[in-house]
Protein backbone atom coordinates (compact mmCIF):
# COMPACT_ATOMS: atom_id res chain seq x y z
CA UNK A 1 0.04 -0.20 0.01
CA UNK A 2 1.27 3.42 -0.97
CA UNK A 3 1.53 6.47 1.21
CA UNK A 4 0.17 9.76 -0.11
CA UNK A 5 2.18 12.89 1.40
CA UNK A 6 1.50 16.45 1.61
CA UNK A 7 4.29 16.92 -1.35
CA UNK A 8 1.93 14.62 -3.11
CA UNK A 9 -0.94 16.40 -2.84
CA UNK A 10 0.75 19.58 -3.92
CA UNK A 11 2.20 17.92 -7.07
CA UNK A 12 -1.52 16.92 -8.04
CA UNK A 13 -2.63 20.30 -7.68
CA UNK A 14 0.38 21.72 -9.63
CA UNK A 15 -0.37 19.13 -12.63
CA UNK A 16 -4.05 19.45 -12.34
CA UNK A 17 -4.28 23.23 -12.00
CA UNK A 18 -1.05 24.28 -13.70
CA UNK A 19 -0.05 26.03 -10.54
CA UNK A 20 3.57 26.89 -9.52
CA UNK A 21 5.10 24.40 -7.13
CA UNK A 22 5.31 27.37 -4.57
CA UNK A 23 1.56 27.94 -4.82
CA UNK A 24 0.50 24.19 -4.85
CA UNK A 25 2.61 23.80 -1.55
CA UNK A 26 1.07 27.01 -0.07
CA UNK A 27 -2.66 25.95 -0.93
CA UNK A 28 -1.97 22.46 0.65
CA UNK A 29 -0.69 24.27 3.65
CA UNK A 30 -3.21 26.61 3.93
CA UNK A 31 -5.96 23.70 3.73
CA UNK A 32 -4.20 21.61 6.48
CA UNK A 33 -3.82 24.89 8.62
CA UNK A 34 -7.16 26.25 8.46
CA UNK A 35 -8.56 22.36 9.47
CA UNK A 36 -6.24 22.47 12.23
CA UNK A 37 -6.95 26.31 13.47
CA UNK A 38 -10.83 25.16 13.50
CA UNK A 39 -10.25 22.10 15.27
CA UNK A 40 -8.09 23.94 18.06
CA UNK A 41 -11.31 26.35 18.30
CA UNK A 42 -13.68 23.69 19.05
CA UNK A 43 -15.27 23.70 15.62
CA UNK A 44 -16.39 20.71 13.52
CA UNK A 45 -15.05 20.72 9.92
CA UNK A 46 -17.38 19.21 7.52
CA UNK A 47 -16.67 18.18 4.07
CA UNK A 48 -19.97 17.25 1.75
CA UNK A 49 -19.46 13.70 0.32
CA UNK A 50 -16.06 12.92 2.40
CA UNK A 51 -16.70 13.18 6.23
CA UNK A 52 -16.10 15.28 9.06
CA UNK A 53 -13.21 16.10 11.68
CA UNK A 54 -13.78 17.13 15.18
CA UNK A 55 -11.99 16.79 18.60
CA UNK A 56 -13.38 14.71 21.52
CA UNK A 57 -13.04 15.21 25.17
CA UNK A 58 -11.58 11.94 26.54
CA UNK A 59 -11.90 11.71 30.41
CA UNK A 60 -9.15 10.44 32.73
CA UNK A 61 -9.64 6.51 33.15
CA UNK A 62 -7.84 3.61 34.62
CA UNK A 63 -5.59 1.37 32.63
CA UNK A 64 -2.36 -0.76 32.83
CA UNK A 65 0.80 -0.63 31.70
CA UNK A 66 0.85 -3.54 28.97
CA UNK A 67 4.61 -4.14 29.50
CA UNK A 68 4.40 -4.58 33.13
CA UNK A 69 0.85 -5.09 33.91
CA UNK A 70 0.88 -2.45 36.82
CA UNK A 71 -2.31 -0.11 36.96
CA UNK A 72 -1.83 3.26 35.32
CA UNK A 73 -3.88 6.42 34.86
CA UNK A 74 -4.59 7.56 31.33
CA UNK A 75 -4.80 11.23 31.83
CA UNK A 76 -7.65 13.43 30.45
CA UNK A 77 -6.79 14.56 26.88
CA UNK A 78 -8.34 15.94 23.38
CA UNK A 79 -8.11 13.75 20.61
CA UNK A 80 -8.77 14.39 16.76
CA UNK A 81 -11.10 12.26 14.94
CA UNK A 82 -12.36 11.57 11.26
CA UNK A 83 -15.60 10.10 10.66
CA UNK A 84 -16.19 9.49 6.88
CA UNK A 85 -19.55 9.89 5.40
CA UNK A 86 -21.82 7.15 4.26
CA UNK A 87 -21.21 8.24 0.33
CA UNK A 88 -17.43 7.75 1.09
CA UNK A 89 -17.44 4.61 2.73
CA UNK A 90 -19.85 3.03 0.08
CA UNK A 91 -17.39 4.28 -2.58
CA UNK A 92 -14.15 2.98 -0.66
CA UNK A 93 -16.06 -0.19 -0.16
CA UNK A 94 -16.93 -0.90 -3.98
CA UNK A 95 -13.05 -0.27 -4.54
CA UNK A 96 -11.99 -3.48 -2.71
């Protein structure tokens, strides 16, 4: 399975829309920065036909160290999540 990177996205934009390399990189960075800032501001980010990103607040909970088996406390934290929309899941499943 191949990995697609920011550079790959920028190169695809450059080729598809005739952008300069610098402009394509700036555009990709701008999109990711906007998503990140929205999530930091507790805003949900939705892309129709693709899915949504949001932040979940996880409470502190009891756990254990998998190496030693000793009990441990897993601290409260915020985590970013992505939930694909139904259309997207169907398109991906169709390709399998």
